[in-house]
Every structure is written in C-alpha cells, then in structure tokens.
Amino acid sequence: MPRLIDPPAGSALDIEEVTARLDESGVDLTDEASIARCTDLLAGLSRNPDFLADRVIAALKESYSDQLTLNRYTAQVFLLHRSPRGFYLRANMWPSQRDAAFAASGPAAFSYGVPHDHNFHFLTAGYFGPGYVSDYYDYDPETVDGRLGEPLDLKFVERHSLSHGKMMLYRAHRDIHSQFPPASLSVSLNIMDEGEQVPWRDQYIVDLEKGTIAKRPTLTSSEMLLRCAVHLTGNGKDVAEQFAKAHPVPRVRANAIGALAAVEEGSARAAVLERGMADGDPRVRDDCQRWLAL
C-alpha cells in the first residue's frame, strides 16, 4: 500500500511560503531528501485551517477563470499551484454519499469503486474531514507487461482512511486502491509529479474479482489526433505509419496501428493488424490480436 508517513511536528505554513520553497528546491518523489522536504511543507500547509477557504472564496469572486484555464482534472480538483519545475499542488474534494455532488454525478465521477494505480508518484495529506476510505492492494510492476486481462497477482494489504493529519506517499505503478466515499465531505492536499514522462506511462484500472488489468485509460492528444488525421488526409496515413513503426511508446504504436486499421476493411484491415502483431512489445501484439478478433 502507499507508504504511511508520520507528519513532522511544526507550525502552520501559508501557501505562498510553501510554493516558494517547493519551487526553490524542486520536487523528486523518488528521492528521500526531496520527500522529507515535501513532507515538512505539506504538513505545515495541512495545519493551516484558513488558507484553502481563502483561496476558494477568492476563486469564486473571480468566477473561477484561472481554474478553468489551468486545471486539467475534474471539478473535484482545486489547483493551488503549477510549477515550471514539473510538479503541482492541488486540493481534492471528496463528497460523501449524502452530498449533492455525489447524487448528481454518481460514484464513478470521483473514482469511487474504480480500482486503479497511478502512473506518477504523489504525496497526499488529509486536510479536512474523516477522509476517503481505500482498500489497498500491492503488485509487482516488474512482472507485468500491461496487457488487458493480464493477471497482477494482487495482494490485499488493508483498508485505510485519509483522515486529517495523515500523510501517504503513493508510488507509481505499485499501489492500487479502490476508494469509497467518506462519512462526510473531506479534502486532501496533494503534491503531484508532472514530469514530461508521465503522459507516456500507462495507468491501470483493475478488475478485482479476476485480479487482472481491465483498462488502460491513459491517452494523449496526439493519439486522438492520429485517428482524425488518417480519416481526413492521405498525409495523415503517412504520419500514422511512422508512429506505428518507430514511436518509442508501445501504447502510441498500438493506437497508430488501430488508426490505420480503422480506415481499412476486410483483408486490408486484417493485414494492418497482422503487421502489428509482429511488434516487439507484448502490449502491442495483444491489442492487435484482440482488434483482429472483433
């Protein structure tokens, strides 16, 4: 499960000091010294009972314009700081089953009941309320190719809630959790890795009953554009062919092959997918084999 961290003692910190010090030192959640600095700062921010309310009120007065521009996530996410040094600080709102947001959007909108891992490291602290509840599982990413339906040899660890003052380090491609609503509205604070490598890493949604990979939801804009390009222009097929042959990310090669196959029919479609089945990565071969069977 995510690594439980005992928050260091200290005084409350304001967000301006926290973001300035994070920007100055940088964030590397694979490095113990960096984790220690982040832990100290996030703990200080979580002890400040007023900063988030002040930010929320200010954003409401400004019609939330900066959030609509900068926030790439859902409405439950309140962006606090995006750093040019490859990380960001955010607050996450977690509604209970009694809250109107839950009733309007349903549990999946907040990832409740959607077991998943993450393709980045992040440090999180409970800021307000009893905290969301998670069933935590562990798996060994070194034994996994990433094919849909692939067994993960999941190991259940425990159920845990992120209540106020608790802190955890989620490890990329290691910790899987299935989240459940808190007893009442809760808020967590996160320091998130946003390096250039993150969009190219797969995230897994897990079928807990079967213990297998159910979905790989990560998708970049270039992969979507490939689909459009091959339909709209002949040059688009040339670009997709290059991506299918030489792109360093297996998922992108597979999606390029899928885009090329989508504009063909019959034996021509089968030929595209059969070529893909010669790819050196098992994820690409598996995708092409599944698509060929459709």
C-alpha atoms as a PDB file:
ATOM      1  CA  MET A   1       0.000   0.000   0.000  1.00  0.00           C
ATOM      2  CA  PRO A   2       1.133   3.638  -0.120  1.00  0.00           C
ATOM      3  CA  ARG A   3       3.865   4.442   2.328  1.00  0.00           C
ATOM      4  CA  LEU A   4       2.447   5.880   5.575  1.00  0.00           C
ATOM      5  CA  ILE A   5       4.436   8.892   6.726  1.00  0.00           C
ATOM      6  CA  ASP A   6       4.448  10.330  10.225  1.00  0.00           C
ATOM      7  CA  PRO A   7       3.994  14.093   9.648  1.00  0.00           C
ATOM      8  CA  PRO A   8       6.795  16.094  11.268  1.00  0.00           C
ATOM      9  CA  ALA A   9       5.867  18.496  14.052  1.00  0.00           C
ATOM     10  CA  GLY A  10       5.931  22.201  13.324  1.00  0.00           C
ATOM     11  CA  SER A  11       3.893  25.324  12.882  1.00  0.00           C
ATOM     12  CA  ALA A  12       1.292  26.102  10.249  1.00  0.00           C
ATOM     13  CA  LEU A  13       2.591  27.471   6.938  1.00  0.00           C
ATOM     14  CA  ASP A  14       0.886  29.709   4.396  1.00  0.00           C
ATOM     15  CA  ILE A  15       0.643  28.610   0.802  1.00  0.00           C
ATOM     16  CA  GLU A  16       2.893  31.365  -0.548  1.00  0.00           C
ATOM     17  CA  GLU A  17       5.780  30.137   1.600  1.00  0.00           C
ATOM     18  CA  VAL A  18       5.111  26.500   0.735  1.00  0.00           C
ATOM     19  CA  THR A  19       5.002  27.052  -3.027  1.00  0.00           C
ATOM     20  CA  ALA A  20       8.064  29.320  -2.980  1.00  0.00           C
ATOM     21  CA  ARG A  21      10.121  26.760  -1.077  1.00  0.00           C
ATOM     22  CA  LEU A  22       8.933  23.914  -3.294  1.00  0.00           C
ATOM     23  CA  ASP A  23       9.809  25.898  -6.414  1.00  0.00           C
ATOM     24  CA  GLU A  24      13.217  26.713  -4.993  1.00  0.00           C
ATOM     25  CA  SER A  25      14.159  23.151  -4.049  1.00  0.00           C
ATOM     26  CA  GLY A  26      12.199  21.262  -6.709  1.00  0.00           C
ATOM     27  CA  VAL A  27      10.286  18.022  -6.175  1.00  0.00           C
ATOM     28  CA  ASP A  28      11.565  14.492  -6.740  1.00  0.00           C
ATOM     29  CA  LEU A  29       9.288  11.967  -5.084  1.00  0.00           C
ATOM     30  CA  THR A  30      11.769   9.165  -5.763  1.00  0.00           C
ATOM     31  CA  ASP A  31      14.435  10.898  -3.631  1.00  0.00           C
ATOM     32  CA  GLU A  32      14.327  10.603   0.170  1.00  0.00           C
ATOM     33  CA  ALA A  33      15.720  14.096   0.814  1.00  0.00           C
ATOM     34  CA  SER A  34      13.137  15.648  -1.500  1.00  0.00           C
ATOM     35  CA  ILE A  35      10.344  13.598   0.098  1.00  0.00           C
ATOM     36  CA  ALA A  36      11.429  14.837   3.518  1.00  0.00           C
ATOM     37  CA  ARG A  37      11.288  18.480   2.372  1.00  0.00           C
ATOM     38  CA  CYS A  38       7.885  17.970   0.755  1.00  0.00           C
ATOM     39  CA  THR A  39       6.553  16.192   3.827  1.00  0.00           C
ATOM     40  CA  ASP A  40       7.590  19.056   6.081  1.00  0.00           C
ATOM     41  CA  LEU A  41       5.969  21.656   3.821  1.00  0.00           C
ATOM     42  CA  LEU A  42       2.761  19.725   3.145  1.00  0.00           C
ATOM     43  CA  ALA A  43       2.351  19.011   6.859  1.00  0.00           C
ATOM     44  CA  GLY A  44       2.720  22.726   7.606  1.00  0.00           C
ATOM     45  CA  LEU A  45       0.141  23.614   4.989  1.00  0.00           C
ATOM     46  CA  SER A  46      -2.288  20.986   6.289  1.00  0.00           C
ATOM     47  CA  ARG A  47      -2.068  22.646   9.731  1.00  0.00           C
ATOM     48  CA  ASN A  48      -3.252  25.952   8.258  1.00  0.00           C
ATOM     49  CA  PRO A  49      -7.051  25.892   8.704  1.00  0.00           C
ATOM     50  CA  ASP A  50      -7.718  29.064   6.717  1.00  0.00           C
ATOM     51  CA  PHE A  51      -5.675  29.060   3.520  1.00  0.00           C
ATOM     52  CA  LEU A  52      -7.969  26.842   1.425  1.00  0.00           C
ATOM     53  CA  ALA A  53     -11.145  28.684   2.402  1.00  0.00           C
ATOM     54  CA  ASP A  54      -9.459  31.964   1.489  1.00  0.00           C
ATOM     55  CA  ARG A  55      -8.413  30.570  -1.893  1.00  0.00           C
ATOM     56  CA  VAL A  56     -11.857  29.135  -2.633  1.00  0.00           C
ATOM     57  CA  ILE A  57     -13.621  32.404  -1.805  1.00  0.00           C
ATOM     58  CA  ALA A  58     -11.151  34.364  -3.948  1.00  0.00           C
ATOM     59  CA  ALA A  59     -11.654  31.966  -6.860  1.00  0.00           C
ATOM     60  CA  LEU A  60     -15.436  32.254  -6.599  1.00  0.00           C
ATOM     61  CA  LYS A  61     -15.162  36.033  -6.680  1.00  0.00           C
ATOM     62  CA  GLU A  62     -13.014  35.777  -9.822  1.00  0.00           C
ATOM     63  CA  SER A  63     -15.555  33.449 -11.471  1.00  0.00           C
ATOM     64  CA  TYR A  64     -13.104  30.558 -11.273  1.00  0.00           C
ATOM     65  CA  SER A  65     -11.446  31.745 -14.501  1.00  0.00           C
ATOM     66  CA  ASP A  66      -7.915  30.607 -13.662  1.00  0.00           C
ATOM     67  CA  GLN A  67      -9.150  27.152 -12.659  1.00  0.00           C
ATOM     68  CA  LEU A  68     -10.901  26.674 -15.988  1.00  0.00           C
ATOM     69  CA  THR A  69      -7.684  27.591 -17.781  1.00  0.00           C
ATOM     70  CA  LEU A  70      -5.153  25.680 -15.688  1.00  0.00           C
ATOM     71  CA  ASN A  71      -6.979  22.715 -14.187  1.00  0.00           C
ATOM     72  CA  ARG A  72      -6.755  19.605 -16.369  1.00  0.00           C
ATOM     73  CA  TYR A  73      -8.716  17.472 -13.954  1.00  0.00           C
ATOM     74  CA  THR A  74     -12.314  17.185 -12.782  1.00  0.00           C
ATOM     75  CA  ALA A  75     -14.456  19.628 -10.833  1.00  0.00           C
ATOM     76  CA  GLN A  76     -13.434  17.971  -7.556  1.00  0.00           C
ATOM     77  CA  VAL A  77      -9.882  19.269  -8.078  1.00  0.00           C
ATOM     78  CA  PHE A  78      -8.853  22.758  -6.970  1.00  0.00           C
ATOM     79  CA  LEU A  79      -5.476  23.713  -8.407  1.00  0.00           C
ATOM     80  CA  LEU A  80      -3.323  25.588  -5.896  1.00  0.00           C
ATOM     81  CA  HIS A  81      -0.016  25.905  -7.749  1.00  0.00           C
ATOM     82  CA  ARG A  82       1.500  24.648 -11.008  1.00  0.00           C
ATOM     83  CA  SER A  83       5.277  24.876 -11.026  1.00  0.00           C
ATOM     84  CA  PRO A  84       7.521  25.171 -14.081  1.00  0.00           C
ATOM     85  CA  ARG A  85       9.717  22.600 -12.330  1.00  0.00           C
ATOM     86  CA  GLY A  86       7.434  19.671 -13.164  1.00  0.00           C
ATOM     87  CA  PHE A  87       5.050  19.335 -10.230  1.00  0.00           C
ATOM     88  CA  TYR A  88       1.826  20.857  -8.947  1.00  0.00           C
ATOM     89  CA  LEU A  89      -0.034  21.313  -5.690  1.00  0.00           C
ATOM     90  CA  ARG A  90      -3.769  20.704  -5.548  1.00  0.00           C
ATOM     91  CA  ALA A  91      -6.704  20.154  -3.209  1.00  0.00           C
ATOM     92  CA  ASN A  92      -9.155  17.316  -3.839  1.00  0.00           C
ATOM     93  CA  MET A  93     -12.748  17.472  -2.623  1.00  0.00           C
ATOM     94  CA  TRP A  94     -14.271  14.117  -1.639  1.00  0.00           C
ATOM     95  CA  PRO A  95     -18.083  14.194  -1.268  1.00  0.00           C
ATOM     96  CA  SER A  96     -19.956  11.770   0.916  1.00  0.00           C
ATOM     97  CA  GLN A  97     -22.972   9.832  -0.301  1.00  0.00           C
ATOM     98  CA  ARG A  98     -25.180  12.487   1.347  1.00  0.00           C
ATOM     99  CA  ASP A  99     -23.691  15.366  -0.662  1.00  0.00           C
ATOM    100  CA  ALA A 100     -25.478  16.829  -3.681  1.00  0.00           C
ATOM    101  CA  ALA A 101     -22.400  16.392  -5.892  1.00  0.00           C
ATOM    102  CA  PHE A 102     -22.454  12.639  -5.292  1.00  0.00           C
ATOM    103  CA  ALA A 103     -26.160  12.410  -6.056  1.00  0.00           C
ATOM    104  CA  ALA A 104     -25.776  14.455  -9.254  1.00  0.00           C
ATOM    105  CA  SER A 105     -22.669  12.788 -10.678  1.00  0.00           C
ATOM    106  CA  GLY A 106     -22.584   9.305  -9.184  1.00  0.00           C
ATOM    107  CA  PRO A 107     -19.647   7.485  -7.611  1.00  0.00           C
ATOM    108  CA  ALA A 108     -17.538   6.949 -10.747  1.00  0.00           C
ATOM    109  CA  ALA A 109     -17.105  10.709 -11.250  1.00  0.00           C
ATOM    110  CA  PHE A 110     -14.970  10.700  -8.093  1.00  0.00           C
ATOM    111  CA  SER A 111     -13.240   7.371  -8.833  1.00  0.00           C
ATOM    112  CA  TYR A 112     -15.213   5.670  -6.076  1.00  0.00           C
ATOM    113  CA  GLY A 113     -15.380   1.950  -6.721  1.00  0.00           C
ATOM    114  CA  VAL A 114     -12.870   2.171  -9.607  1.00  0.00           C
ATOM    115  CA  PRO A 115      -9.767   0.233  -8.501  1.00  0.00           C
ATOM    116  CA  HIS A 116      -6.663   1.775 -10.076  1.00  0.00           C
ATOM    117  CA  ASP A 117      -2.993   2.512  -9.772  1.00  0.00           C
ATOM    118  CA  HIS A 118      -1.238   5.747 -10.783  1.00  0.00           C
ATOM    119  CA  ASN A 119       1.389   6.476 -13.415  1.00  0.00           C
ATOM    120  CA  PHE A 120       3.091   9.084 -11.223  1.00  0.00           C
ATOM    121  CA  HIS A 121       4.224   9.448  -7.625  1.00  0.00           C
ATOM    122  CA  PHE A 122       2.322  11.771  -5.321  1.00  0.00           C
ATOM    123  CA  LEU A 123       2.365  12.821  -1.698  1.00  0.00           C
ATOM    124  CA  THR A 124      -1.015  13.342  -0.057  1.00  0.00           C
ATOM    125  CA  ALA A 125      -2.270  14.582   3.316  1.00  0.00           C
ATOM    126  CA  GLY A 126      -5.709  14.662   4.894  1.00  0.00           C
ATOM    127  CA  TYR A 127      -6.721  18.309   5.325  1.00  0.00           C
ATOM    128  CA  PHE A 128     -10.392  18.315   6.310  1.00  0.00           C
ATOM    129  CA  GLY A 129     -12.968  15.732   7.346  1.00  0.00           C
ATOM    130  CA  PRO A 130     -12.728  11.996   8.038  1.00  0.00           C
ATOM    131  CA  GLY A 131     -11.148  11.323   4.633  1.00  0.00           C
ATOM    132  CA  TYR A 132     -11.948   8.959   1.790  1.00  0.00           C
ATOM    133  CA  VAL A 133     -11.637   5.244   2.531  1.00  0.00           C
ATOM    134  CA  SER A 134      -9.480   2.912   0.428  1.00  0.00           C
ATOM    135  CA  ASP A 135      -8.891  -0.801   0.142  1.00  0.00           C
ATOM    136  CA  TYR A 136      -5.186  -1.040  -0.692  1.00  0.00           C
ATOM    137  CA  TYR A 137      -3.506  -3.668  -2.836  1.00  0.00           C
ATOM    138  CA  ASP A 138       0.085  -4.206  -3.860  1.00  0.00           C
ATOM    139  CA  TYR A 139       1.541  -5.681  -7.045  1.00  0.00           C
ATOM    140  CA  ASP A 140       4.983  -6.026  -8.611  1.00  0.00           C
ATOM    141  CA  PRO A 141       5.213  -3.908 -11.793  1.00  0.00           C
ATOM    142  CA  GLU A 142       8.389  -5.722 -12.875  1.00  0.00           C
ATOM    143  CA  THR A 143       6.347  -8.869 -13.534  1.00  0.00           C
ATOM    144  CA  VAL A 144       3.671  -7.129 -15.623  1.00  0.00           C
ATOM    145  CA  ASP A 145       3.617  -6.423 -19.393  1.00  0.00           C
ATOM    146  CA  GLY A 146       0.485  -4.264 -19.274  1.00  0.00           C
ATOM    147  CA  ARG A 147      -1.766  -6.411 -21.457  1.00  0.00           C
ATOM    148  CA  LEU A 148      -5.527  -6.155 -20.951  1.00  0.00           C
ATOM    149  CA  GLY A 149      -6.703  -9.144 -18.959  1.00  0.00           C
ATOM    150  CA  GLU A 150      -3.206  -9.809 -17.616  1.00  0.00           C
ATOM    151  CA  PRO A 151      -3.071 -11.204 -14.037  1.00  0.00           C
ATOM    152  CA  LEU A 152      -1.463  -8.876 -11.486  1.00  0.00           C
ATOM    153  CA  ASP A 153      -1.000 -11.261  -8.542  1.00  0.00           C
ATOM    154  CA  LEU A 154      -2.671  -8.681  -6.293  1.00  0.00           C
ATOM    155  CA  LYS A 155      -2.009  -8.736  -2.574  1.00  0.00           C
ATOM    156  CA  PHE A 156      -4.619  -7.112  -0.338  1.00  0.00           C
ATOM    157  CA  VAL A 157      -2.951  -5.033   2.381  1.00  0.00           C
ATOM    158  CA  GLU A 158      -5.619  -3.229   4.407  1.00  0.00           C
ATOM    159  CA  ARG A 159      -8.463  -0.708   4.474  1.00  0.00           C
ATOM    160  CA  HIS A 160      -7.400   2.796   5.478  1.00  0.00           C
ATOM    161  CA  SER A 161      -8.902   6.297   5.606  1.00  0.00           C
ATOM    162  CA  LEU A 162      -7.029   9.518   4.859  1.00  0.00           C
ATOM    163  CA  SER A 163      -8.233  11.479   7.855  1.00  0.00           C
ATOM    164  CA  HIS A 164      -6.987  14.913   8.887  1.00  0.00           C
ATOM    165  CA  GLY A 165      -3.261  14.911   9.617  1.00  0.00           C
ATOM    166  CA  LYS A 166      -2.489  11.568   7.975  1.00  0.00           C
ATOM    167  CA  MET A 167       0.050  11.533   5.175  1.00  0.00           C
ATOM    168  CA  MET A 168       0.866   8.952   2.499  1.00  0.00           C
ATOM    169  CA  LEU A 169       3.229   8.566  -0.449  1.00  0.00           C
ATOM    170  CA  TYR A 170       1.624   6.827  -3.422  1.00  0.00           C
ATOM    171  CA  ARG A 171       4.165   5.022  -5.567  1.00  0.00           C
ATOM    172  CA  ALA A 172       3.760   4.949  -9.339  1.00  0.00           C
ATOM    173  CA  HIS A 173       2.915   1.504 -10.713  1.00  0.00           C
ATOM    174  CA  ARG A 174       2.981  -0.102  -7.304  1.00  0.00           C
ATOM    175  CA  ASP A 175      -0.016   0.875  -5.170  1.00  0.00           C
ATOM    176  CA  ILE A 176      -3.571   0.038  -6.214  1.00  0.00           C
ATOM    177  CA  HIS A 177      -6.538   1.352  -4.290  1.00  0.00           C
ATOM    178  CA  SER A 178     -10.290   1.087  -4.507  1.00  0.00           C
ATOM    179  CA  GLN A 179     -11.782   4.240  -2.986  1.00  0.00           C
ATOM    180  CA  PHE A 180     -15.059   4.689  -1.119  1.00  0.00           C
ATOM    181  CA  PRO A 181     -16.858   7.893  -0.050  1.00  0.00           C
ATOM    182  CA  PRO A 182     -16.017   9.428   3.322  1.00  0.00           C
ATOM    183  CA  ALA A 183     -18.633   9.681   6.043  1.00  0.00           C
ATOM    184  CA  SER A 184     -18.805  13.437   5.377  1.00  0.00           C
ATOM    185  CA  LEU A 185     -17.252  15.894   2.936  1.00  0.00           C
ATOM    186  CA  SER A 186     -13.465  15.673   3.077  1.00  0.00           C
ATOM    187  CA  VAL A 187     -10.490  17.394   1.480  1.00  0.00           C
ATOM    188  CA  SER A 188      -6.986  16.125   0.760  1.00  0.00           C
ATOM    189  CA  LEU A 189      -3.866  18.028  -0.336  1.00  0.00           C
ATOM    190  CA  ASN A 190      -1.533  16.556  -2.961  1.00  0.00           C
ATOM    191  CA  ILE A 191       1.925  17.255  -4.303  1.00  0.00           C
ATOM    192  CA  MET A 192       1.919  15.621  -7.734  1.00  0.00           C
ATOM    193  CA  ASP A 193       4.721  14.640 -10.080  1.00  0.00           C
ATOM    194  CA  GLU A 194       4.079  16.222 -13.503  1.00  0.00           C
ATOM    195  CA  GLY A 195       7.241  15.305 -15.388  1.00  0.00           C
ATOM    196  CA  GLU A 196       7.242  15.043 -19.182  1.00  0.00           C
ATOM    197  CA  GLN A 197       7.355  11.246 -18.909  1.00  0.00           C
ATOM    198  CA  VAL A 198       4.019  10.916 -17.093  1.00  0.00           C
ATOM    199  CA  PRO A 199       1.605  11.057 -20.079  1.00  0.00           C
ATOM    200  CA  TRP A 200       3.528   8.257 -21.814  1.00  0.00           C
ATOM    201  CA  ARG A 201       3.161   5.838 -18.909  1.00  0.00           C
ATOM    202  CA  ASP A 202       0.114   3.598 -18.763  1.00  0.00           C
ATOM    203  CA  GLN A 203      -2.273   3.667 -15.832  1.00  0.00           C
ATOM    204  CA  TYR A 204      -4.262   0.539 -14.980  1.00  0.00           C
ATOM    205  CA  ILE A 205      -7.875   0.137 -13.944  1.00  0.00           C
ATOM    206  CA  VAL A 206      -8.199  -3.228 -12.257  1.00  0.00           C
ATOM    207  CA  ASP A 207     -10.825  -5.968 -12.155  1.00  0.00           C
ATOM    208  CA  LEU A 208     -10.576  -7.004  -8.503  1.00  0.00           C
ATOM    209  CA  GLU A 209     -12.687 -10.138  -8.930  1.00  0.00           C
ATOM    210  CA  LYS A 210     -10.380 -11.501 -11.601  1.00  0.00           C
ATOM    211  CA  GLY A 211      -7.243  -9.772 -10.343  1.00  0.00           C
ATOM    212  CA  THR A 212      -6.433  -8.537 -13.844  1.00  0.00           C
ATOM    213  CA  ILE A 213      -5.885  -5.335 -15.833  1.00  0.00           C
ATOM    214  CA  ALA A 214      -9.324  -4.209 -17.040  1.00  0.00           C
ATOM    215  CA  LYS A 215      -8.470  -0.926 -18.811  1.00  0.00           C
ATOM    216  CA  ARG A 216      -5.578   1.386 -19.658  1.00  0.00           C
ATOM    217  CA  PRO A 217      -7.246   4.829 -19.606  1.00  0.00           C
ATOM    218  CA  THR A 218      -4.161   6.962 -20.345  1.00  0.00           C
ATOM    219  CA  LEU A 219      -4.404   8.701 -23.728  1.00  0.00           C
ATOM    220  CA  THR A 220      -2.513  11.694 -25.111  1.00  0.00           C
ATOM    221  CA  SER A 221      -3.900  14.265 -27.525  1.00  0.00           C
ATOM    222  CA  SER A 222      -1.516  13.058 -30.250  1.00  0.00           C
ATOM    223  CA  GLU A 223      -3.093   9.605 -30.119  1.00  0.00           C
ATOM    224  CA  MET A 224      -6.544  11.100 -30.623  1.00  0.00           C
ATOM    225  CA  LEU A 225      -5.247  13.304 -33.434  1.00  0.00           C
ATOM    226  CA  LEU A 226      -3.892  10.238 -35.221  1.00  0.00           C
ATOM    227  CA  ARG A 227      -7.435   8.913 -35.520  1.00  0.00           C
ATOM    228  CA  CYS A 228      -8.591  12.154 -37.076  1.00  0.00           C
ATOM    229  CA  ALA A 229      -5.561  12.518 -39.339  1.00  0.00           C
ATOM    230  CA  VAL A 230      -5.906   9.145 -41.085  1.00  0.00           C
ATOM    231  CA  HIS A 231      -9.563   9.859 -41.823  1.00  0.00           C
ATOM    232  CA  LEU A 232      -9.054  13.424 -43.040  1.00  0.00           C
ATOM    233  CA  THR A 233      -5.943  13.330 -45.201  1.00  0.00           C
ATOM    234  CA  GLY A 234      -3.625  10.993 -47.042  1.00  0.00           C
ATOM    235  CA  ASN A 235      -0.645  12.572 -45.316  1.00  0.00           C
ATOM    236  CA  GLY A 236      -2.193  11.513 -42.039  1.00  0.00           C
ATOM    237  CA  LYS A 237      -1.711   7.870 -43.007  1.00  0.00           C
ATOM    238  CA  ASP A 238       1.974   8.535 -43.652  1.00  0.00           C
ATOM    239  CA  VAL A 239       2.379  10.041 -40.187  1.00  0.00           C
ATOM    240  CA  ALA A 240       0.497   7.141 -38.595  1.00  0.00           C
ATOM    241  CA  GLU A 241       2.723   4.658 -40.442  1.00  0.00           C
ATOM    242  CA  GLN A 242       5.800   6.321 -38.986  1.00  0.00           C
ATOM    243  CA  PHE A 243       4.304   6.300 -35.489  1.00  0.00           C
ATOM    244  CA  ALA A 244       3.324   2.630 -35.878  1.00  0.00           C
ATOM    245  CA  LYS A 245       6.868   1.664 -36.854  1.00  0.00           C
ATOM    246  CA  ALA A 246       9.086   3.866 -34.750  1.00  0.00           C
ATOM    247  CA  HIS A 247       7.372   5.614 -31.835  1.00  0.00           C
ATOM    248  CA  PRO A 248       9.196   4.718 -28.589  1.00  0.00           C
ATOM    249  CA  VAL A 249       5.969   4.289 -26.578  1.00  0.00           C
ATOM    250  CA  PRO A 250       4.212   0.929 -27.199  1.00  0.00           C
ATOM    251  CA  ARG A 251       0.745   2.343 -26.499  1.00  0.00           C
ATOM    252  CA  VAL A 252       1.219   5.011 -29.161  1.00  0.00           C
ATOM    253  CA  ARG A 253       2.414   2.435 -31.714  1.00  0.00           C
ATOM    254  CA  ALA A 254      -0.670   0.338 -30.970  1.00  0.00           C
ATOM    255  CA  ASN A 255      -3.005   3.319 -31.360  1.00  0.00           C
ATOM    256  CA  ALA A 256      -1.321   4.282 -34.638  1.00  0.00           C
ATOM    257  CA  ILE A 257      -1.898   0.749 -35.918  1.00  0.00           C
ATOM    258  CA  GLY A 258      -5.507   0.942 -34.728  1.00  0.00           C
ATOM    259  CA  ALA A 259      -5.967   4.241 -36.547  1.00  0.00           C
ATOM    260  CA  LEU A 260      -4.611   2.765 -39.791  1.00  0.00           C
ATOM    261  CA  ALA A 261      -6.824  -0.315 -39.435  1.00  0.00           C
ATOM    262  CA  ALA A 262      -9.903   1.843 -38.825  1.00  0.00           C
ATOM    263  CA  VAL A 263      -9.843   3.237 -42.389  1.00  0.00           C
ATOM    264  CA  GLU A 264      -9.499  -0.200 -43.997  1.00  0.00           C
ATOM    265  CA  GLU A 265     -11.919  -3.062 -44.430  1.00  0.00           C
ATOM    266  CA  GLY A 266     -11.725  -6.808 -44.863  1.00  0.00           C
ATOM    267  CA  SER A 267      -8.362  -8.265 -45.797  1.00  0.00           C
ATOM    268  CA  ALA A 268      -6.682  -4.837 -45.897  1.00  0.00           C
ATOM    269  CA  ARG A 269      -7.684  -4.200 -42.266  1.00  0.00           C
ATOM    270  CA  ALA A 270      -6.508  -7.654 -41.256  1.00  0.00           C
ATOM    271  CA  ALA A 271      -3.152  -7.064 -42.975  1.00  0.00           C
ATOM    272  CA  VAL A 272      -2.561  -3.868 -40.960  1.00  0.00           C
ATOM    273  CA  LEU A 273      -3.288  -5.641 -37.692  1.00  0.00           C
ATOM    274  CA  GLU A 274      -1.239  -8.704 -38.616  1.00  0.00           C
ATOM    275  CA  ARG A 275       1.758  -6.448 -39.222  1.00  0.00           C
ATOM    276  CA  GLY A 276       1.185  -5.010 -35.764  1.00  0.00           C
ATOM    277  CA  MET A 277       1.312  -8.494 -34.285  1.00  0.00           C
ATOM    278  CA  ALA A 278       5.000  -8.589 -35.232  1.00  0.00           C
ATOM    279  CA  ASP A 279       5.780  -5.669 -32.888  1.00  0.00           C
ATOM    280  CA  GLY A 280       8.404  -6.300 -30.255  1.00  0.00           C
ATOM    281  CA  ASP A 281       6.173  -5.329 -27.322  1.00  0.00           C
ATOM    282  CA  PRO A 282       3.562  -7.773 -25.956  1.00  0.00           C
ATOM    283  CA  ARG A 283       1.054  -4.971 -25.314  1.00  0.00           C
ATOM    284  CA  VAL A 284       1.032  -4.004 -28.976  1.00  0.00           C
ATOM    285  CA  ARG A 285       0.774  -7.610 -30.139  1.00  0.00           C
ATOM    286  CA  ASP A 286      -2.061  -8.285 -27.704  1.00  0.00           C
ATOM    287  CA  ASP A 287      -4.021  -5.169 -28.760  1.00  0.00           C
ATOM    288  CA  CYS A 288      -3.708  -6.084 -32.430  1.00  0.00           C
ATOM    289  CA  GLN A 289      -4.770  -9.662 -31.783  1.00  0.00           C
ATOM    290  CA  ARG A 290      -7.873  -8.506 -29.886  1.00  0.00           C
ATOM    291  CA  TRP A 291      -8.779  -5.978 -32.591  1.00  0.00           C
ATOM    292  CA  LEU A 292      -8.306  -8.617 -35.287  1.00  0.00           C
ATOM    293  CA  ALA A 293     -10.827 -10.860 -33.498  1.00  0.00           C
ATOM    294  CA  LEU A 294     -13.531  -8.164 -33.495  1.00  0.00           C
END
